[in-house]
Amino acid sequence: MDYIDYYKILEIPKSSSESEIKKAYRKLARKHHPDVNPNNKDAEKKFKEINEANEVLSDPEKRKKYDKYGKDWEHADEIEKMNQNRGQSRSRTGQTYGRESFGNDYSGDFSDFFESMFGRESAGRQRQTKFRGQDINASLHLKLTDVYKTQKQTITVNGKNIRMTFPSGIEDGQIIRIKGHGTPGINGGPNGDLFITFSIENNSKFKRDGADLYGSVDLDLFTAVLGGDILVDTFDGQVKLKVVEGTQSGTKVKLKGKGFPKYKAENSFGDLYITYHIKIPANLSEKEKQLFIDLKNLREDGKK
């Protein structure tokens, strides 16, 4: 297995923080997503590499192993155990090896290392060691209306149908792990996991920020001036909203609990923020114009 530089794939330095890794991943995932690049094999390959890199670097434990052991990071536990056994062996026999341990600078195959260090018999025993299967990365495209409510859906990965329940409130770019649905383990080892990256298309009139939603309402001049009740669209229907007298254009109001569901927080919703835009009447008749003139004069007289 050749060494893959996950930091290079995500175009970030090795010193990057978790938030920087997440930001870089989301940027590249959107750029190379199959939906954005249909029938583009290079983009599809790049998207898989980006997901693989993120799956390792976004997990602190996996990242630690990768930084230490490079391409052999998935065998880190076995390597640590070998190094421990070697230390015990040196204590018993007084034998000294030229290297205390091996990490990502070791260039040979994993099984070759066992054979060269402990002989064929030990290498044979190593081949019976149980190894965890590889993780699989997949993407799933959904619409925003699809994730407003918890739903069940069947997805096909590597020819296998998997029946899943998707909790409401999933966000664009979010990754969910399905334990045990990766490739089979070796020598009876556990299966790898399936990591699904969600691509959420906003097919609504609202802007989403986490669990909060943002929208706007055109308000006629008369309701803005005199106040009154209006019907406002929310994500799941209309509600009646009271407009106060003298409302200004750009005024924002909050409808508590009328936003988007919070992920894995049952019956918990964000808020909906509505911004009013005052519509100025056009194509006035002469009589209407005169009424506005009279109103203007009346207000000016009142200031004297």
Protein backbone atom coordinates (compact mmCIF):
# COMPACT_ATOMS: atom_id res chain seq x y z
CA MET A 1 0.00 0.00 0.00
CA ASP A 2 1.49 3.34 -1.08
CA TYR A 3 1.64 6.28 1.30
CA ILE A 4 -1.17 8.79 0.73
CA ASP A 5 -0.62 12.33 1.98
CA TYR A 6 -4.04 13.24 3.37
CA TYR A 7 -2.87 16.74 4.27
CA LYS A 8 -1.87 17.35 0.66
CA ILE A 9 -5.24 16.05 -0.55
CA LEU A 10 -7.08 18.56 1.67
CA GLU A 11 -4.55 21.28 0.73
CA ILE A 12 -3.72 22.09 4.35
CA PRO A 13 -0.53 22.07 6.48
CA LYS A 14 0.09 19.32 9.01
CA SER A 15 -0.40 21.84 11.84
CA SER A 16 -4.03 22.56 10.87
CA SER A 17 -6.66 22.65 13.61
CA GLU A 18 -9.86 20.57 13.59
CA SER A 19 -11.90 23.57 12.41
CA GLU A 20 -9.43 24.26 9.59
CA ILE A 21 -9.65 20.62 8.49
CA LYS A 22 -13.45 20.79 8.51
CA LYS A 23 -13.46 24.05 6.54
CA ALA A 24 -11.03 22.72 3.92
CA TYR A 25 -13.00 19.49 3.55
CA ARG A 26 -16.34 21.22 3.01
CA LYS A 27 -14.83 23.58 0.43
CA LEU A 28 -13.25 20.79 -1.60
CA ALA A 29 -16.20 18.40 -1.20
CA ARG A 30 -18.56 20.96 -2.70
CA LYS A 31 -16.12 21.69 -5.54
CA HIS A 32 -15.62 18.04 -6.53
CA HIS A 33 -19.04 16.63 -5.62
CA PRO A 34 -20.42 14.24 -8.30
CA ASP A 35 -23.61 16.28 -8.55
CA VAL A 36 -21.55 19.33 -9.53
CA ASN A 37 -19.36 17.30 -11.90
CA PRO A 38 -21.63 14.74 -13.60
CA ASN A 39 -19.88 11.98 -15.57
CA ASN A 40 -16.48 13.31 -14.50
CA LYS A 41 -14.38 10.34 -13.40
CA ASP A 42 -11.49 12.52 -12.22
CA ALA A 43 -13.82 14.56 -10.00
CA GLU A 44 -15.40 11.37 -8.66
CA LYS A 45 -11.96 9.96 -7.79
CA LYS A 46 -10.94 13.25 -6.18
CA PHE A 47 -14.17 13.34 -4.15
CA LYS A 48 -13.45 9.85 -2.78
CA GLU A 49 -9.90 10.88 -1.85
CA ILE A 50 -11.19 13.99 -0.08
CA ASN A 51 -13.69 11.94 1.92
CA GLU A 52 -11.03 9.39 2.86
CA ALA A 53 -8.64 12.12 3.97
CA ASN A 54 -11.32 13.84 6.03
CA GLU A 55 -12.44 10.57 7.63
CA VAL A 56 -8.92 10.08 9.01
CA LEU A 57 -7.84 13.64 9.83
CA SER A 58 -11.14 14.71 11.40
CA ASP A 59 -10.88 11.89 13.94
CA PRO A 60 -8.27 12.85 16.59
CA GLU A 61 -7.35 9.24 17.38
CA LYS A 62 -7.02 8.21 13.72
CA ARG A 63 -5.08 11.37 12.94
CA LYS A 64 -2.62 10.64 15.75
CA LYS A 65 -2.00 7.16 14.38
CA TYR A 66 -1.68 8.45 10.82
CA ASP A 67 0.83 11.13 11.83
CA LYS A 68 2.94 8.50 13.58
CA TYR A 69 2.68 5.49 11.27
CA GLY A 70 1.73 6.90 7.87
CA LYS A 71 0.39 4.25 5.50
CA ASP A 72 0.45 1.64 8.29
CA TRP A 73 -1.75 3.72 10.62
CA GLU A 74 -4.61 1.21 10.53
CA HIS A 75 -2.23 -1.37 12.06
CA ALA A 76 -1.07 1.00 14.79
CA ASP A 77 -2.29 -1.21 17.63
CA GLU A 78 -0.48 -4.24 16.23
CA ILE A 79 2.68 -2.21 15.69
CA GLU A 80 2.60 -0.89 19.25
CA LYS A 81 2.15 -4.43 20.52
CA MET A 82 5.09 -5.63 18.43
CA ASN A 83 7.30 -2.84 19.72
CA GLN A 84 6.32 -3.75 23.26
CA ASN A 85 7.11 -7.42 22.64
CA ARG A 86 10.46 -6.47 21.12
CA GLY A 87 11.32 -4.45 24.19
CA GLN A 88 10.47 -7.42 26.42
CA SER A 89 12.49 -9.71 24.16
CA ARG A 90 15.55 -7.46 24.43
CA SER A 91 15.22 -7.45 28.19
CA ARG A 92 15.25 -11.25 28.26
CA THR A 93 18.00 -11.89 25.72
CA GLY A 94 20.12 -8.74 25.91
CA GLN A 95 19.80 -8.41 22.11
CA THR A 96 19.89 -4.90 20.67
CA TYR A 97 18.13 -3.77 17.51
CA GLY A 98 19.18 -0.80 15.45
CA ARG A 99 15.73 0.81 15.74
CA GLU A 100 13.58 1.20 18.84
CA SER A 101 10.31 1.18 16.91
CA PHE A 102 9.06 1.81 13.39
CA GLY A 103 6.57 4.34 12.15
CA ASN A 104 5.81 6.05 8.86
CA ASP A 105 9.46 5.79 7.80
CA TYR A 106 9.17 2.01 7.45
CA SER A 107 8.98 1.25 3.73
CA GLY A 108 8.39 -2.52 3.67
CA ASP A 109 5.15 -4.46 3.67
CA PHE A 110 3.52 -5.15 7.01
CA SER A 111 3.95 -8.94 6.72
CA ASP A 112 7.55 -8.54 5.52
CA PHE A 113 8.38 -6.67 8.69
CA PHE A 114 7.18 -9.57 10.83
CA GLU A 115 9.19 -12.07 8.82
CA SER A 116 12.40 -10.04 8.87
CA MET A 117 12.14 -9.24 12.57
CA PHE A 118 10.76 -12.46 14.07
CA GLY A 119 11.20 -15.13 11.37
CA ARG A 120 8.74 -17.02 9.22
CA GLU A 121 6.99 -18.70 12.12
CA SER A 122 6.12 -15.36 13.73
CA ALA A 123 5.14 -13.94 10.34
CA GLY A 124 2.77 -16.87 9.89
CA ARG A 125 1.19 -16.13 13.24
CA GLN A 126 0.82 -12.49 12.26
CA ARG A 127 -1.10 -13.47 9.16
CA GLN A 128 -3.68 -15.03 11.42
CA THR A 129 -4.13 -11.78 13.32
CA LYS A 130 -7.60 -10.34 13.02
CA PHE A 131 -7.65 -7.05 11.16
CA ARG A 132 -10.48 -4.57 10.94
CA GLY A 133 -12.00 -4.02 7.48
CA GLN A 134 -11.63 -0.81 5.53
CA ASP A 135 -14.07 2.06 5.99
CA ILE A 136 -16.23 3.07 3.03
CA ASN A 137 -17.11 6.66 2.13
CA ALA A 138 -20.32 7.47 0.28
CA SER A 139 -22.36 10.58 -0.47
CA LEU A 140 -26.11 11.11 -0.39
CA HIS A 141 -27.94 13.98 -2.04
CA LEU A 142 -31.16 15.16 -0.37
CA LYS A 143 -33.40 18.20 -0.49
CA LEU A 144 -33.92 20.43 2.52
CA THR A 145 -37.57 19.39 2.67
CA ASP A 146 -36.39 15.76 2.93
CA VAL A 147 -34.57 16.36 6.22
CA TYR A 148 -37.26 18.42 7.95
CA LYS A 149 -38.69 15.21 9.37
CA THR A 150 -37.05 11.95 10.42
CA GLN A 151 -37.40 9.41 7.64
CA LYS A 152 -36.38 5.91 6.64
CA GLN A 153 -34.62 5.31 3.37
CA THR A 154 -32.86 2.44 1.62
CA ILE A 155 -29.45 3.19 0.11
CA THR A 156 -27.27 0.92 -2.00
CA VAL A 157 -23.55 0.71 -1.21
CA ASN A 158 -21.27 -1.80 -2.97
CA GLY A 159 -24.31 -3.70 -4.21
CA LYS A 160 -25.83 -4.03 -0.74
CA ASN A 161 -29.14 -2.43 0.26
CA ILE A 162 -29.00 -0.76 3.66
CA ARG A 163 -32.19 0.34 5.39
CA MET A 164 -31.46 3.48 7.40
CA THR A 165 -33.24 6.03 9.55
CA PHE A 166 -32.11 9.60 8.94
CA PRO A 167 -32.80 11.94 11.88
CA SER A 168 -34.33 15.30 11.06
CA GLY A 169 -32.06 18.34 11.08
CA ILE A 170 -29.13 16.88 9.11
CA GLU A 171 -26.91 19.65 7.73
CA ASP A 172 -25.17 20.09 4.40
CA GLY A 173 -21.72 18.50 4.56
CA GLN A 174 -22.53 16.51 7.71
CA ILE A 175 -21.01 13.04 7.98
CA ILE A 176 -22.79 10.12 9.66
CA ARG A 177 -21.09 6.82 10.53
CA ILE A 178 -22.94 3.53 10.05
CA LYS A 179 -21.05 1.02 12.13
CA GLY A 180 -20.12 -2.33 10.57
CA HIS A 181 -21.16 -1.53 6.99
CA GLY A 182 -17.66 -1.11 5.56
CA THR A 183 -15.59 -3.88 3.97
CA PRO A 184 -15.35 -7.23 5.79
CA GLY A 185 -12.56 -7.74 8.31
CA ILE A 186 -9.56 -10.00 7.69
CA ASN A 187 -9.18 -13.32 9.51
CA GLY A 188 -12.49 -12.80 11.27
CA GLY A 189 -11.76 -9.22 12.29
CA PRO A 190 -14.57 -6.65 12.63
CA ASN A 191 -16.03 -4.97 9.57
CA GLY A 192 -15.13 -1.40 8.73
CA ASP A 193 -17.68 1.39 8.95
CA LEU A 194 -19.66 3.31 6.36
CA PHE A 195 -19.32 7.10 6.38
CA ILE A 196 -22.05 9.01 4.56
CA THR A 197 -21.52 12.65 3.60
CA PHE A 198 -24.78 14.51 3.08
CA SER A 199 -25.27 17.07 0.34
CA ILE A 200 -28.39 19.09 1.18
CA GLU A 201 -30.01 21.18 -1.56
CA ASN A 202 -32.01 24.12 -0.25
CA ASN A 203 -35.27 23.89 -2.20
CA SER A 204 -37.11 26.34 0.07
CA LYS A 205 -37.53 30.12 0.12
CA PHE A 206 -35.70 30.33 3.44
CA LYS A 207 -32.02 30.71 4.22
CA ARG A 208 -30.79 28.14 6.74
CA ASP A 209 -28.16 28.68 9.41
CA GLY A 210 -27.99 25.63 11.63
CA ALA A 211 -31.47 25.26 13.08
CA ASP A 212 -32.46 28.88 12.44
CA LEU A 213 -34.26 30.01 9.30
CA TYR A 214 -34.33 33.46 7.70
CA GLY A 215 -36.94 34.85 5.36
CA SER A 216 -38.51 38.10 4.21
CA VAL A 217 -42.05 39.41 3.81
CA ASP A 218 -43.29 42.18 1.53
CA LEU A 219 -45.48 44.48 3.59
CA ASP A 220 -47.87 46.96 2.00
CA LEU A 221 -47.49 50.58 3.04
CA PHE A 222 -50.90 50.80 4.66
CA THR A 223 -50.37 47.79 6.95
CA ALA A 224 -46.93 49.11 7.85
CA VAL A 225 -48.37 52.48 8.77
CA LEU A 226 -51.61 51.40 10.44
CA GLY A 227 -50.64 47.94 11.70
CA GLY A 228 -52.72 44.80 11.36
CA ASP A 229 -52.64 41.01 11.03
CA ILE A 230 -50.94 39.18 8.16
CA LEU A 231 -50.33 35.54 7.22
CA VAL A 232 -46.67 34.54 7.10
CA ASP A 233 -45.21 31.41 5.52
CA THR A 234 -43.14 29.13 7.74
CA PHE A 235 -41.43 25.89 6.77
CA ASP A 236 -44.46 23.80 7.72
CA GLY A 237 -47.37 26.12 6.96
CA GLN A 238 -48.72 29.61 7.56
CA VAL A 239 -49.12 31.46 10.84
CA LYS A 240 -50.87 34.71 11.70
CA LEU A 241 -48.54 37.54 12.68
CA LYS A 242 -49.47 40.90 14.17
CA VAL A 243 -47.77 43.90 12.55
CA VAL A 244 -47.37 46.82 14.91
CA GLU A 245 -48.35 50.34 13.86
CA GLY A 246 -45.53 52.32 12.22
CA THR A 247 -43.39 49.33 11.23
CA GLN A 248 -40.26 50.39 9.33
CA SER A 249 -38.75 48.66 6.29
CA GLY A 250 -35.95 46.33 7.41
CA THR A 251 -37.60 45.54 10.73
CA LYS A 252 -36.86 41.97 11.89
CA VAL A 253 -39.16 39.83 13.99
CA LYS A 254 -38.47 36.44 15.55
CA LEU A 255 -40.93 33.57 15.46
CA LYS A 256 -39.69 31.37 18.27
CA GLY A 257 -39.63 27.64 17.56
CA LYS A 258 -40.64 28.07 13.90
CA GLY A 259 -37.21 27.30 12.49
CA PHE A 260 -35.63 23.96 11.53
CA PRO A 261 -35.45 20.84 13.72
CA LYS A 262 -32.31 20.53 15.81
CA TYR A 263 -30.31 17.41 14.96
CA LYS A 264 -31.00 14.55 17.36
CA ALA A 265 -32.91 16.86 19.71
CA GLU A 266 -36.47 15.56 19.73
CA ASN A 267 -39.19 18.23 19.45
CA SER A 268 -36.59 21.00 19.57
CA PHE A 269 -36.56 23.64 16.84
CA GLY A 270 -34.62 26.75 15.98
CA ASP A 271 -36.26 30.11 15.33
CA LEU A 272 -37.55 31.81 12.18
CA TYR A 273 -36.42 35.39 11.57
CA ILE A 274 -38.59 37.50 9.27
CA THR A 275 -37.44 40.80 7.73
CA TYR A 276 -40.12 43.24 6.54
CA HIS A 277 -39.75 45.00 3.20
CA ILE A 278 -42.20 47.87 2.71
CA LYS A 279 -43.73 48.01 -0.76
CA ILE A 280 -44.36 51.55 -1.96
CA PRO A 281 -47.52 51.79 -4.07
CA ALA A 282 -46.96 52.69 -7.72
CA ASN A 283 -49.15 53.97 -10.57
CA LEU A 284 -51.21 56.17 -8.26
CA SER A 285 -54.35 57.82 -9.57
CA GLU A 286 -54.66 61.58 -9.35
CA LYS A 287 -57.03 61.21 -6.42
CA GLU A 288 -54.59 58.96 -4.58
CA LYS A 289 -51.74 61.37 -5.22
CA GLN A 290 -53.85 64.20 -3.82
CA LEU A 291 -54.55 62.18 -0.68
CA PHE A 292 -50.83 61.71 -0.14
CA ILE A 293 -50.26 65.43 -0.70
CA ASP A 294 -52.98 66.22 1.83
CA LEU A 295 -51.38 63.79 4.29
CA LYS A 296 -47.98 65.38 3.76
CA ASN A 297 -49.38 68.87 4.31
CA LEU A 298 -51.25 67.71 7.39
CA ARG A 299 -48.07 66.33 8.96
CA GLU A 300 -46.08 69.46 8.11
CA ASP A 301 -48.77 71.67 9.63
CA GLY A 302 -48.64 69.56 12.76
CA LYS A 303 -44.94 70.28 13.16
CA LYS A 304 -45.46 74.06 13.13
